[in-house]
Amino acid sequence: MRISAMKKLAFALALSAALSATLSGCVSLGKKPPPSLLTLTPAATAPAGLSATGKPIDALTVIDPDAPQKLDVTRVPVQVDGSTVAYLKDAVWVEKPARLFARLVAETIRAKQTRMVIEGSDVRFAAATKLSGQLVEMGYDARTSTALVRFDAVLQQPDGQVMTRRFEASVPGVLANPQAVGTALNQAANKVAADVASWIG
């Protein structure tokens, strides 16, 4: 009986090993993650304890901008030539660029302490003033070694008036590696966010 039980155990272990080997060839848990992830860090932040109260007509909400397909991913696009786009090796955002940029703009406006900024899917549409638009560019141009951020802003005011404006910032002379491009894009994005905050007032 003891020998029979040992044989059954050995068979079970062998079967388990065989299944594991078979599945390992069919199932992938994803590529090896990059050494680090990129994000946008605001140059100006609201102080701790800052609070604001008011009516919806006084509030501003920043809505995630639309983005072309090349930016609707967590990779950093590289403009190789006039018609070719690639992605920078090992350069990965923690979230999609449009969401990161919206948060950066919201925090930059909030830091000025001239507007009550509200966020959150349940309350943001209650604000009478809405900032939206399209994040046209947020990547690297290999032809000029330049990091570029371009944003077409749309500001809808309480009276129904709509204002639009294009904002752009670039950082030249950037090496084509994740750390250098990430730092340059953060710098350019903060410049655009600051210009948008000044425009809104």
N, C-alpha and C. Protein backbone atom coordinates (compact mmCIF):
# COMPACT_ATOMS: atom_id res chain seq x y z
N MET A 1 0.83 -1.21 0.00
CA MET A 1 0.00 0.00 0.00
C MET A 1 0.86 1.26 0.00
N ARG A 2 1.91 1.20 0.78
CA ARG A 2 2.79 2.37 0.88
C ARG A 2 3.48 2.64 -0.44
N ILE A 3 3.93 1.54 -1.12
CA ILE A 3 4.60 1.70 -2.41
C ILE A 3 3.63 2.26 -3.44
N SER A 4 2.39 1.79 -3.42
CA SER A 4 1.37 2.27 -4.36
C SER A 4 1.10 3.76 -4.16
N ALA A 5 1.04 4.19 -2.90
CA ALA A 5 0.80 5.60 -2.61
C ALA A 5 1.96 6.45 -3.10
N MET A 6 3.17 5.95 -2.93
CA MET A 6 4.34 6.70 -3.38
C MET A 6 4.37 6.82 -4.89
N LYS A 7 3.95 5.76 -5.59
CA LYS A 7 3.89 5.80 -7.04
C LYS A 7 2.87 6.83 -7.52
N LYS A 8 1.72 6.84 -6.82
CA LYS A 8 0.69 7.82 -7.18
C LYS A 8 1.19 9.26 -6.98
N LEU A 9 1.92 9.47 -5.88
CA LEU A 9 2.46 10.80 -5.59
C LEU A 9 3.48 11.21 -6.65
N ALA A 10 4.35 10.27 -7.01
CA ALA A 10 5.37 10.55 -8.03
C ALA A 10 4.72 10.87 -9.36
N PHE A 11 3.64 10.13 -9.69
CA PHE A 11 2.93 10.37 -10.95
C PHE A 11 2.28 11.76 -10.95
N ALA A 12 1.70 12.11 -9.81
CA ALA A 12 1.03 13.42 -9.70
C ALA A 12 2.04 14.56 -9.86
N LEU A 13 3.21 14.41 -9.24
CA LEU A 13 4.24 15.43 -9.34
C LEU A 13 4.75 15.56 -10.77
N ALA A 14 4.95 14.41 -11.43
CA ALA A 14 5.41 14.43 -12.81
C ALA A 14 4.39 15.08 -13.72
N LEU A 15 3.10 14.79 -13.50
CA LEU A 15 2.04 15.38 -14.30
C LEU A 15 1.97 16.89 -14.10
N SER A 16 2.13 17.33 -12.84
CA SER A 16 2.11 18.76 -12.53
C SER A 16 3.25 19.49 -13.21
N ALA A 17 4.43 18.87 -13.19
CA ALA A 17 5.60 19.49 -13.83
C ALA A 17 5.40 19.60 -15.33
N ALA A 18 4.81 18.55 -15.93
CA ALA A 18 4.57 18.56 -17.37
C ALA A 18 3.57 19.64 -17.76
N LEU A 19 2.51 19.78 -16.96
CA LEU A 19 1.51 20.82 -17.24
C LEU A 19 2.11 22.21 -17.11
N SER A 20 2.94 22.40 -16.09
CA SER A 20 3.57 23.70 -15.88
C SER A 20 4.46 24.06 -17.06
N ALA A 21 5.21 23.08 -17.54
CA ALA A 21 6.09 23.32 -18.68
C ALA A 21 5.29 23.66 -19.92
N THR A 22 4.16 22.96 -20.12
CA THR A 22 3.31 23.23 -21.27
C THR A 22 2.68 24.61 -21.20
N LEU A 23 2.15 24.96 -20.02
CA LEU A 23 1.50 26.27 -19.86
C LEU A 23 2.48 27.42 -19.97
N SER A 24 3.71 27.21 -19.51
CA SER A 24 4.69 28.29 -19.56
C SER A 24 4.98 28.70 -20.99
N GLY A 25 4.79 27.77 -21.93
CA GLY A 25 5.00 28.10 -23.32
C GLY A 25 3.80 28.78 -23.96
N CYS A 26 2.65 28.71 -23.31
CA CYS A 26 1.42 29.27 -23.86
C CYS A 26 0.99 30.56 -23.17
N VAL A 27 1.36 30.73 -21.93
CA VAL A 27 0.89 31.88 -21.15
C VAL A 27 2.05 32.82 -20.85
N SER A 28 1.83 34.11 -21.12
CA SER A 28 2.85 35.12 -20.82
C SER A 28 2.27 36.12 -19.84
N LEU A 29 3.01 36.44 -18.82
CA LEU A 29 2.56 37.42 -17.83
C LEU A 29 3.01 38.83 -18.20
N GLY A 30 3.50 39.02 -19.41
CA GLY A 30 3.90 40.34 -19.86
C GLY A 30 5.40 40.48 -19.95
N LYS A 31 5.84 41.52 -20.66
CA LYS A 31 7.27 41.76 -20.81
C LYS A 31 7.87 42.26 -19.50
N LYS A 32 9.16 42.17 -19.45
CA LYS A 32 9.86 42.68 -18.28
C LYS A 32 9.60 44.18 -18.16
N PRO A 33 9.19 44.68 -16.99
CA PRO A 33 8.88 46.10 -16.85
C PRO A 33 10.14 46.95 -17.02
N PRO A 34 9.96 48.21 -17.47
CA PRO A 34 11.12 49.09 -17.61
C PRO A 34 11.72 49.42 -16.26
N PRO A 35 12.98 49.87 -16.23
CA PRO A 35 13.63 50.19 -14.96
C PRO A 35 12.87 51.25 -14.15
N SER A 36 12.20 52.18 -14.84
CA SER A 36 11.45 53.23 -14.15
C SER A 36 10.32 53.70 -15.06
N LEU A 37 9.34 54.38 -14.46
CA LEU A 37 8.20 54.92 -15.19
C LEU A 37 8.25 56.44 -15.16
N LEU A 38 7.73 57.06 -16.22
CA LEU A 38 7.73 58.51 -16.33
C LEU A 38 6.41 59.09 -15.83
N THR A 39 6.47 60.29 -15.28
CA THR A 39 5.26 61.00 -14.87
C THR A 39 5.51 62.49 -15.04
N LEU A 40 4.47 63.28 -14.82
CA LEU A 40 4.58 64.74 -14.86
C LEU A 40 4.46 65.27 -13.44
N THR A 41 5.40 66.10 -13.05
CA THR A 41 5.42 66.67 -11.71
C THR A 41 5.22 68.18 -11.80
N PRO A 42 4.20 68.73 -11.16
CA PRO A 42 3.95 70.17 -11.25
C PRO A 42 5.06 71.00 -10.62
N ALA A 43 5.45 72.07 -11.32
CA ALA A 43 6.47 72.97 -10.79
C ALA A 43 5.90 73.80 -9.65
N ALA A 44 4.59 74.03 -9.68
CA ALA A 44 3.90 74.77 -8.62
C ALA A 44 2.76 73.93 -8.09
N THR A 45 2.66 73.84 -6.77
CA THR A 45 1.57 73.07 -6.16
C THR A 45 0.84 73.92 -5.14
N ALA A 46 -0.41 73.60 -4.92
CA ALA A 46 -1.20 74.31 -3.91
C ALA A 46 -0.70 73.93 -2.52
N PRO A 47 -0.66 74.87 -1.59
CA PRO A 47 -0.17 74.55 -0.24
C PRO A 47 -1.11 73.62 0.51
N ALA A 48 -0.57 72.87 1.43
CA ALA A 48 -1.38 71.98 2.25
C ALA A 48 -2.39 72.79 3.05
N GLY A 49 -3.60 72.28 3.15
CA GLY A 49 -4.63 72.97 3.92
C GLY A 49 -5.44 73.97 3.13
N LEU A 50 -5.06 74.20 1.86
CA LEU A 50 -5.81 75.15 1.03
C LEU A 50 -7.23 74.62 0.80
N SER A 51 -8.21 75.46 1.03
CA SER A 51 -9.60 75.09 0.81
C SER A 51 -10.33 76.21 0.10
N ALA A 52 -11.39 75.85 -0.57
CA ALA A 52 -12.18 76.84 -1.29
C ALA A 52 -13.64 76.43 -1.29
N THR A 53 -14.51 77.40 -1.19
CA THR A 53 -15.95 77.15 -1.24
C THR A 53 -16.57 78.14 -2.21
N GLY A 54 -17.66 77.76 -2.78
CA GLY A 54 -18.32 78.65 -3.72
C GLY A 54 -19.42 77.94 -4.47
N LYS A 55 -20.00 78.64 -5.41
CA LYS A 55 -21.08 78.11 -6.23
C LYS A 55 -20.51 77.53 -7.52
N PRO A 56 -21.26 76.64 -8.16
CA PRO A 56 -20.79 76.06 -9.42
C PRO A 56 -20.39 77.09 -10.46
N ILE A 57 -21.08 78.24 -10.45
CA ILE A 57 -20.76 79.27 -11.44
C ILE A 57 -19.35 79.83 -11.25
N ASP A 58 -18.80 79.67 -10.04
CA ASP A 58 -17.46 80.17 -9.75
C ASP A 58 -16.38 79.11 -9.96
N ALA A 59 -16.79 77.88 -10.19
CA ALA A 59 -15.84 76.77 -10.23
C ALA A 59 -15.35 76.49 -11.64
N LEU A 60 -14.17 75.91 -11.70
CA LEU A 60 -13.57 75.48 -12.95
C LEU A 60 -13.25 74.00 -12.86
N THR A 61 -13.51 73.28 -13.93
CA THR A 61 -13.09 71.89 -13.98
C THR A 61 -12.20 71.68 -15.21
N VAL A 62 -11.19 70.86 -15.04
CA VAL A 62 -10.29 70.52 -16.14
C VAL A 62 -10.63 69.11 -16.60
N ILE A 63 -11.09 69.00 -17.83
CA ILE A 63 -11.49 67.71 -18.40
C ILE A 63 -10.32 67.12 -19.18
N ASP A 64 -10.13 65.82 -19.03
CA ASP A 64 -9.04 65.17 -19.77
C ASP A 64 -9.14 65.51 -21.25
N PRO A 65 -8.06 66.01 -21.84
CA PRO A 65 -8.13 66.37 -23.26
C PRO A 65 -8.19 65.14 -24.16
N ASP A 66 -8.71 65.33 -25.36
CA ASP A 66 -8.64 64.29 -26.37
C ASP A 66 -7.18 64.16 -26.82
N ALA A 67 -6.87 63.06 -27.46
CA ALA A 67 -5.50 62.85 -27.94
C ALA A 67 -5.53 61.96 -29.17
N PRO A 68 -4.62 62.16 -30.11
CA PRO A 68 -4.55 61.26 -31.27
C PRO A 68 -4.11 59.86 -30.84
N GLN A 69 -4.27 58.92 -31.72
CA GLN A 69 -3.99 57.52 -31.40
C GLN A 69 -2.55 57.32 -30.91
N LYS A 70 -1.61 58.06 -31.46
CA LYS A 70 -0.21 57.85 -31.07
C LYS A 70 0.04 58.22 -29.61
N LEU A 71 -0.84 59.07 -29.04
CA LEU A 71 -0.72 59.45 -27.63
C LEU A 71 -1.69 58.71 -26.73
N ASP A 72 -2.54 57.90 -27.31
CA ASP A 72 -3.53 57.17 -26.51
C ASP A 72 -2.95 55.85 -25.99
N VAL A 73 -1.69 55.91 -25.60
CA VAL A 73 -0.95 54.77 -25.06
C VAL A 73 -0.03 55.31 -23.96
N THR A 74 0.66 54.43 -23.28
CA THR A 74 1.58 54.88 -22.22
C THR A 74 3.02 54.97 -22.71
N ARG A 75 3.22 54.95 -24.03
CA ARG A 75 4.56 55.05 -24.61
C ARG A 75 4.84 56.49 -25.03
N VAL A 76 6.11 56.80 -25.26
CA VAL A 76 6.53 58.14 -25.70
C VAL A 76 6.78 58.09 -27.21
N PRO A 77 5.97 58.80 -28.01
CA PRO A 77 6.16 58.76 -29.45
C PRO A 77 7.40 59.53 -29.90
N VAL A 78 8.02 59.01 -30.96
CA VAL A 78 9.19 59.65 -31.56
C VAL A 78 8.88 59.91 -33.02
N GLN A 79 8.96 61.17 -33.43
CA GLN A 79 8.76 61.51 -34.84
C GLN A 79 10.08 61.28 -35.56
N VAL A 80 10.13 60.22 -36.34
CA VAL A 80 11.38 59.85 -37.02
C VAL A 80 11.58 60.69 -38.27
N ASP A 81 10.53 60.84 -39.06
CA ASP A 81 10.56 61.72 -40.22
C ASP A 81 9.15 62.25 -40.44
N GLY A 82 8.89 62.84 -41.60
CA GLY A 82 7.60 63.45 -41.83
C GLY A 82 6.41 62.52 -41.79
N SER A 83 6.65 61.22 -41.98
CA SER A 83 5.52 60.28 -42.04
C SER A 83 5.70 59.04 -41.17
N THR A 84 6.75 59.02 -40.35
CA THR A 84 7.02 57.82 -39.54
C THR A 84 7.10 58.15 -38.06
N VAL A 85 6.36 57.38 -37.27
CA VAL A 85 6.37 57.53 -35.81
C VAL A 85 6.80 56.20 -35.19
N ALA A 86 7.73 56.27 -34.25
CA ALA A 86 8.15 55.10 -33.49
C ALA A 86 7.92 55.41 -32.01
N TYR A 87 8.35 54.52 -31.13
CA TYR A 87 8.23 54.76 -29.70
C TYR A 87 9.60 54.60 -29.04
N LEU A 88 9.89 55.49 -28.12
CA LEU A 88 11.19 55.50 -27.46
C LEU A 88 11.35 54.27 -26.57
N LYS A 89 12.42 53.54 -26.76
CA LYS A 89 12.67 52.31 -26.02
C LYS A 89 12.74 52.56 -24.51
N ASP A 90 12.03 51.74 -23.74
CA ASP A 90 12.02 51.76 -22.27
C ASP A 90 11.44 53.04 -21.68
N ALA A 91 10.79 53.87 -22.50
CA ALA A 91 10.15 55.09 -21.98
C ALA A 91 8.65 54.83 -21.86
N VAL A 92 8.17 54.69 -20.62
CA VAL A 92 6.77 54.34 -20.37
C VAL A 92 6.18 55.27 -19.31
N TRP A 93 5.03 55.85 -19.61
CA TRP A 93 4.33 56.70 -18.64
C TRP A 93 3.59 55.84 -17.61
N VAL A 94 3.37 56.39 -16.44
CA VAL A 94 2.60 55.66 -15.42
C VAL A 94 1.12 55.62 -15.79
N GLU A 95 0.68 56.61 -16.57
CA GLU A 95 -0.69 56.66 -17.08
C GLU A 95 -0.64 57.25 -18.48
N LYS A 96 -1.76 57.23 -19.17
CA LYS A 96 -1.79 57.83 -20.49
C LYS A 96 -1.49 59.34 -20.38
N PRO A 97 -0.75 59.90 -21.34
CA PRO A 97 -0.31 61.30 -21.27
C PRO A 97 -1.44 62.31 -21.06
N ALA A 98 -2.58 62.09 -21.70
CA ALA A 98 -3.68 63.06 -21.57
C ALA A 98 -4.15 63.21 -20.13
N ARG A 99 -4.23 62.09 -19.41
CA ARG A 99 -4.65 62.13 -18.00
C ARG A 99 -3.60 62.81 -17.14
N LEU A 100 -2.34 62.49 -17.37
CA LEU A 100 -1.26 63.14 -16.62
C LEU A 100 -1.24 64.64 -16.87
N PHE A 101 -1.45 65.03 -18.13
CA PHE A 101 -1.42 66.45 -18.47
C PHE A 101 -2.58 67.20 -17.84
N ALA A 102 -3.77 66.60 -17.84
CA ALA A 102 -4.93 67.24 -17.22
C ALA A 102 -4.69 67.48 -15.74
N ARG A 103 -4.12 66.50 -15.04
CA ARG A 103 -3.82 66.68 -13.62
C ARG A 103 -2.80 67.78 -13.40
N LEU A 104 -1.81 67.84 -14.27
CA LEU A 104 -0.78 68.88 -14.16
C LEU A 104 -1.39 70.27 -14.33
N VAL A 105 -2.24 70.43 -15.34
CA VAL A 105 -2.87 71.73 -15.59
C VAL A 105 -3.77 72.11 -14.41
N ALA A 106 -4.56 71.17 -13.91
CA ALA A 106 -5.45 71.44 -12.78
C ALA A 106 -4.67 71.90 -11.55
N GLU A 107 -3.58 71.22 -11.25
CA GLU A 107 -2.79 71.59 -10.08
C GLU A 107 -2.09 72.93 -10.27
N THR A 108 -1.65 73.22 -11.48
CA THR A 108 -1.01 74.51 -11.76
C THR A 108 -1.99 75.66 -11.59
N ILE A 109 -3.22 75.47 -12.06
CA ILE A 109 -4.26 76.51 -11.89
C ILE A 109 -4.61 76.64 -10.41
N ARG A 110 -4.76 75.52 -9.73
CA ARG A 110 -5.11 75.53 -8.30
C ARG A 110 -4.03 76.25 -7.49
N ALA A 111 -2.78 76.09 -7.87
CA ALA A 111 -1.67 76.70 -7.13
C ALA A 111 -1.69 78.22 -7.21
N LYS A 112 -2.31 78.77 -8.25
CA LYS A 112 -2.40 80.23 -8.37
C LYS A 112 -3.38 80.83 -7.36
N GLN A 113 -4.29 79.99 -6.86
CA GLN A 113 -5.29 80.39 -5.87
C GLN A 113 -6.19 81.51 -6.36
N THR A 114 -6.46 81.52 -7.66
CA THR A 114 -7.38 82.50 -8.22
C THR A 114 -8.68 81.84 -8.71
N ARG A 115 -8.68 80.50 -8.74
CA ARG A 115 -9.84 79.76 -9.21
C ARG A 115 -10.12 78.59 -8.29
N MET A 116 -11.41 78.29 -8.11
CA MET A 116 -11.78 77.08 -7.41
C MET A 116 -11.84 75.96 -8.44
N VAL A 117 -10.93 75.00 -8.31
CA VAL A 117 -10.82 73.90 -9.27
C VAL A 117 -11.41 72.65 -8.65
N ILE A 118 -12.34 72.01 -9.35
CA ILE A 118 -12.92 70.77 -8.85
C ILE A 118 -12.64 69.65 -9.84
N GLU A 119 -12.46 68.46 -9.29
CA GLU A 119 -12.19 67.29 -10.11
C GLU A 119 -13.06 66.14 -9.63
N GLY A 120 -13.08 65.07 -10.41
CA GLY A 120 -13.89 63.91 -10.06
C GLY A 120 -15.03 63.76 -11.03
N SER A 121 -15.25 62.55 -11.49
CA SER A 121 -16.25 62.30 -12.53
C SER A 121 -17.67 62.66 -12.10
N ASP A 122 -17.96 62.65 -10.81
CA ASP A 122 -19.33 62.91 -10.34
C ASP A 122 -19.65 64.40 -10.21
N VAL A 123 -18.61 65.22 -10.00
CA VAL A 123 -18.88 66.62 -9.71
C VAL A 123 -18.33 67.59 -10.75
N ARG A 124 -17.40 67.15 -11.56
CA ARG A 124 -16.74 68.12 -12.43
C ARG A 124 -17.67 68.78 -13.43
N PHE A 125 -18.71 68.05 -13.88
CA PHE A 125 -19.61 68.63 -14.87
C PHE A 125 -20.56 69.66 -14.27
N ALA A 126 -20.54 69.80 -12.94
CA ALA A 126 -21.35 70.83 -12.30
C ALA A 126 -20.72 72.21 -12.43
N ALA A 127 -19.43 72.25 -12.69
CA ALA A 127 -18.74 73.54 -12.81
C ALA A 127 -19.23 74.29 -14.04
N ALA A 128 -19.38 75.59 -13.89
CA ALA A 128 -19.88 76.40 -14.99
C ALA A 128 -18.80 76.68 -16.04
N THR A 129 -17.55 76.66 -15.62
CA THR A 129 -16.44 76.90 -16.54
C THR A 129 -15.68 75.59 -16.74
N LYS A 130 -15.48 75.22 -18.00
CA LYS A 130 -14.83 73.95 -18.31
C LYS A 130 -13.65 74.16 -19.25
N LEU A 131 -12.55 73.54 -18.90
CA LEU A 131 -11.37 73.57 -19.76
C LEU A 131 -11.17 72.18 -20.35
N SER A 132 -11.17 72.11 -21.66
CA SER A 132 -10.93 70.84 -22.35
C SER A 132 -10.01 71.13 -23.53
N GLY A 133 -10.02 70.27 -24.52
CA GLY A 133 -9.19 70.51 -25.69
C GLY A 133 -8.58 69.24 -26.22
N GLN A 134 -7.46 69.40 -26.91
CA GLN A 134 -6.76 68.25 -27.48
C GLN A 134 -5.26 68.36 -27.22
N LEU A 135 -4.70 67.30 -26.68
CA LEU A 135 -3.25 67.21 -26.51
C LEU A 135 -2.70 66.72 -27.84
N VAL A 136 -2.23 67.64 -28.66
CA VAL A 136 -1.83 67.33 -30.03
C VAL A 136 -0.48 66.62 -30.08
N GLU A 137 0.46 67.11 -29.28
CA GLU A 137 1.81 66.53 -29.26
C GLU A 137 2.32 66.44 -27.83
N MET A 138 2.99 65.35 -27.55
CA MET A 138 3.70 65.21 -26.28
C MET A 138 4.71 64.09 -26.47
N GLY A 139 5.79 64.44 -27.16
CA GLY A 139 6.76 63.42 -27.53
C GLY A 139 8.09 64.01 -27.93
N TYR A 140 8.83 63.23 -28.69
CA TYR A 140 10.22 63.57 -29.04
C TYR A 140 10.37 63.59 -30.55
N ASP A 141 11.03 64.65 -31.05
CA ASP A 141 11.30 64.77 -32.48
C ASP A 141 12.77 64.42 -32.71
N ALA A 142 12.99 63.25 -33.30
CA ALA A 142 14.36 62.78 -33.51
C ALA A 142 15.12 63.63 -34.52
N ARG A 143 14.40 64.31 -35.39
CA ARG A 143 15.06 65.11 -36.42
C ARG A 143 15.76 66.33 -35.83
N THR A 144 15.21 66.85 -34.74
CA THR A 144 15.79 68.05 -34.12
C THR A 144 16.21 67.83 -32.68
N SER A 145 16.12 66.59 -32.19
CA SER A 145 16.45 66.25 -30.79
C SER A 145 15.68 67.15 -29.82
N THR A 146 14.39 67.30 -30.09
CA THR A 146 13.55 68.22 -29.33
C THR A 146 12.38 67.51 -28.67
N ALA A 147 12.13 67.83 -27.41
CA ALA A 147 10.93 67.37 -26.72
C ALA A 147 9.86 68.44 -26.91
N LEU A 148 8.66 68.02 -27.30
CA LEU A 148 7.63 68.98 -27.68
C LEU A 148 6.29 68.65 -27.04
N VAL A 149 5.62 69.69 -26.51
CA VAL A 149 4.26 69.56 -26.00
C VAL A 149 3.41 70.63 -26.68
N ARG A 150 2.29 70.20 -27.28
CA ARG A 150 1.39 71.13 -27.96
C ARG A 150 -0.04 70.81 -27.52
N PHE A 151 -0.75 71.85 -27.07
CA PHE A 151 -2.10 71.68 -26.54
C PHE A 151 -3.04 72.70 -27.14
N ASP A 152 -4.14 72.23 -27.74
CA ASP A 152 -5.19 73.11 -28.26
C ASP A 152 -6.28 73.20 -27.19
N ALA A 153 -6.32 74.32 -26.50
CA ALA A 153 -7.23 74.48 -25.37
C ALA A 153 -8.59 74.99 -25.82
N VAL A 154 -9.63 74.51 -25.13
CA VAL A 154 -11.00 74.99 -25.36
C VAL A 154 -11.57 75.37 -24.00
N LEU A 155 -11.93 76.63 -23.83
CA LEU A 155 -12.47 77.12 -22.57
C LEU A 155 -13.93 77.50 -22.76
N GLN A 156 -14.82 76.79 -22.08
CA GLN A 156 -16.26 77.08 -22.13
C GLN A 156 -16.63 77.86 -20.89
N GLN A 157 -17.17 79.08 -21.09
CA GLN A 157 -17.48 79.97 -19.98
C GLN A 157 -18.95 79.87 -19.58
N PRO A 158 -19.29 80.39 -18.39
CA PRO A 158 -20.67 80.26 -17.88
C PRO A 158 -21.73 80.84 -18.81
N ASP A 159 -21.38 81.87 -19.57
CA ASP A 159 -22.38 82.49 -20.46
C ASP A 159 -22.50 81.76 -21.79
N GLY A 160 -21.78 80.65 -21.93
CA GLY A 160 -21.85 79.88 -23.16
C GLY A 160 -20.77 80.23 -24.16
N GLN A 161 -20.05 81.31 -23.93
CA GLN A 161 -18.97 81.69 -24.84
C GLN A 161 -17.86 80.65 -24.81
N VAL A 162 -17.30 80.36 -25.98
CA VAL A 162 -16.22 79.40 -26.09
C VAL A 162 -14.98 80.09 -26.64
N MET A 163 -13.86 79.89 -25.97
CA MET A 163 -12.59 80.45 -26.40
C MET A 163 -11.61 79.31 -26.69
N THR A 164 -10.79 79.48 -27.71
CA THR A 164 -9.78 78.48 -28.04
C THR A 164 -8.42 79.15 -28.18
N ARG A 165 -7.39 78.38 -27.89
CA ARG A 165 -6.03 78.90 -28.06
C ARG A 165 -5.06 77.72 -28.10
N ARG A 166 -4.04 77.85 -28.95
CA ARG A 166 -2.99 76.82 -29.02
C ARG A 166 -1.81 77.22 -28.15
N PHE A 167 -1.35 76.27 -27.36
CA PHE A 167 -0.18 76.47 -26.51
C PHE A 167 0.89 75.46 -26.91
N GLU A 168 2.14 75.90 -26.85
CA GLU A 168 3.23 75.01 -27.25
C GLU A 168 4.50 75.37 -26.50
N ALA A 169 5.26 74.36 -26.16
CA ALA A 169 6.57 74.56 -25.53
C ALA A 169 7.48 73.44 -25.97
N SER A 170 8.76 73.75 -26.15
CA SER A 170 9.71 72.73 -26.58
C SER A 170 11.03 72.90 -25.85
N VAL A 171 11.76 71.81 -25.76
CA VAL A 171 13.09 71.81 -25.15
C VAL A 171 14.03 71.17 -26.15
N PRO A 172 14.97 71.94 -26.73
CA PRO A 172 15.88 71.39 -27.74
C PRO A 172 17.11 70.72 -27.12
N GLY A 173 17.86 70.03 -27.96
CA GLY A 173 19.12 69.44 -27.53
C GLY A 173 18.97 68.33 -26.51
N VAL A 174 17.94 67.49 -26.67
CA VAL A 174 17.65 66.43 -25.71
C VAL A 174 18.17 65.08 -26.24
N LEU A 175 18.90 64.36 -25.41
CA LEU A 175 19.39 63.04 -25.80
C LEU A 175 18.22 62.06 -25.89
N ALA A 176 18.31 61.11 -26.80
CA ALA A 176 17.23 60.17 -27.03
C ALA A 176 17.28 59.01 -26.04
N ASN A 177 17.10 59.32 -24.75
CA ASN A 177 17.00 58.27 -23.74
C ASN A 177 15.85 58.62 -22.79
N PRO A 178 15.26 57.64 -22.13
CA PRO A 178 14.05 57.88 -21.33
C PRO A 178 14.21 58.97 -20.28
N GLN A 179 15.32 59.00 -19.55
CA GLN A 179 15.48 59.98 -18.49
C GLN A 179 15.54 61.39 -19.03
N ALA A 180 16.33 61.60 -20.08
CA ALA A 180 16.47 62.94 -20.66
C ALA A 180 15.17 63.41 -21.29
N VAL A 181 14.52 62.53 -22.04
CA VAL A 181 13.27 62.91 -22.70
C VAL A 181 12.17 63.13 -21.67
N GLY A 182 12.11 62.29 -20.65
CA GLY A 182 11.10 62.46 -19.60
C GLY A 182 11.25 63.78 -18.88
N THR A 183 12.49 64.15 -18.54
CA THR A 183 12.75 65.43 -17.86
C THR A 183 12.36 66.60 -18.75
N ALA A 184 12.72 66.52 -20.03
CA ALA A 184 12.41 67.60 -20.96
C ALA A 184 10.91 67.75 -21.19
N LEU A 185 10.20 66.62 -21.30
CA LEU A 185 8.75 66.68 -21.49
C LEU A 185 8.06 67.25 -20.25
N ASN A 186 8.58 66.92 -19.08
CA ASN A 186 8.03 67.49 -17.85
C ASN A 186 8.21 69.01 -17.83
N GLN A 187 9.37 69.46 -18.27
CA GLN A 187 9.65 70.90 -18.32
C GLN A 187 8.73 71.60 -19.32
N ALA A 188 8.58 71.01 -20.50
CA ALA A 188 7.73 71.61 -21.53
C ALA A 188 6.26 71.60 -21.11
N ALA A 189 5.82 70.52 -20.50
CA ALA A 189 4.42 70.42 -20.06
C ALA A 189 4.12 71.44 -18.98
N ASN A 190 5.06 71.67 -18.07
CA ASN A 190 4.87 72.68 -17.03
C ASN A 190 4.80 74.08 -17.63
N LYS A 191 5.58 74.34 -18.67
CA LYS A 191 5.53 75.65 -19.33
C LYS A 191 4.15 75.85 -19.96
N VAL A 192 3.64 74.84 -20.65
CA VAL A 192 2.32 74.93 -21.26
C VAL A 192 1.25 75.11 -20.18
N ALA A 193 1.34 74.34 -19.09
CA ALA A 193 0.37 74.45 -18.00
C ALA A 193 0.36 75.85 -17.39
N ALA A 194 1.53 76.42 -17.21
CA ALA A 194 1.64 77.78 -16.66
C ALA A 194 1.02 78.81 -17.60
N ASP A 195 1.25 78.63 -18.89
CA ASP A 195 0.67 79.56 -19.89
C ASP A 195 -0.85 79.43 -19.91
N VAL A 196 -1.35 78.22 -19.79
CA VAL A 196 -2.80 78.00 -19.77
C VAL A 196 -3.40 78.65 -18.52
N ALA A 197 -2.74 78.48 -17.39
CA ALA A 197 -3.23 79.08 -16.13
C ALA A 197 -3.28 80.60 -16.23
N SER A 198 -2.27 81.20 -16.87
CA SER A 198 -2.26 82.66 -17.04
C SER A 198 -3.37 83.10 -17.98
N TRP A 199 -3.60 82.32 -19.02
CA TRP A 199 -4.66 82.65 -19.98
C TRP A 199 -6.04 82.62 -19.33
N ILE A 200 -6.27 81.63 -18.50
CA ILE A 200 -7.57 81.50 -17.84
C ILE A 200 -7.75 82.60 -16.80
N GLY A 201 -6.68 82.94 -16.08
CA GLY A 201 -6.76 84.01 -15.09
C GLY A 201 -7.22 83.52 -13.74
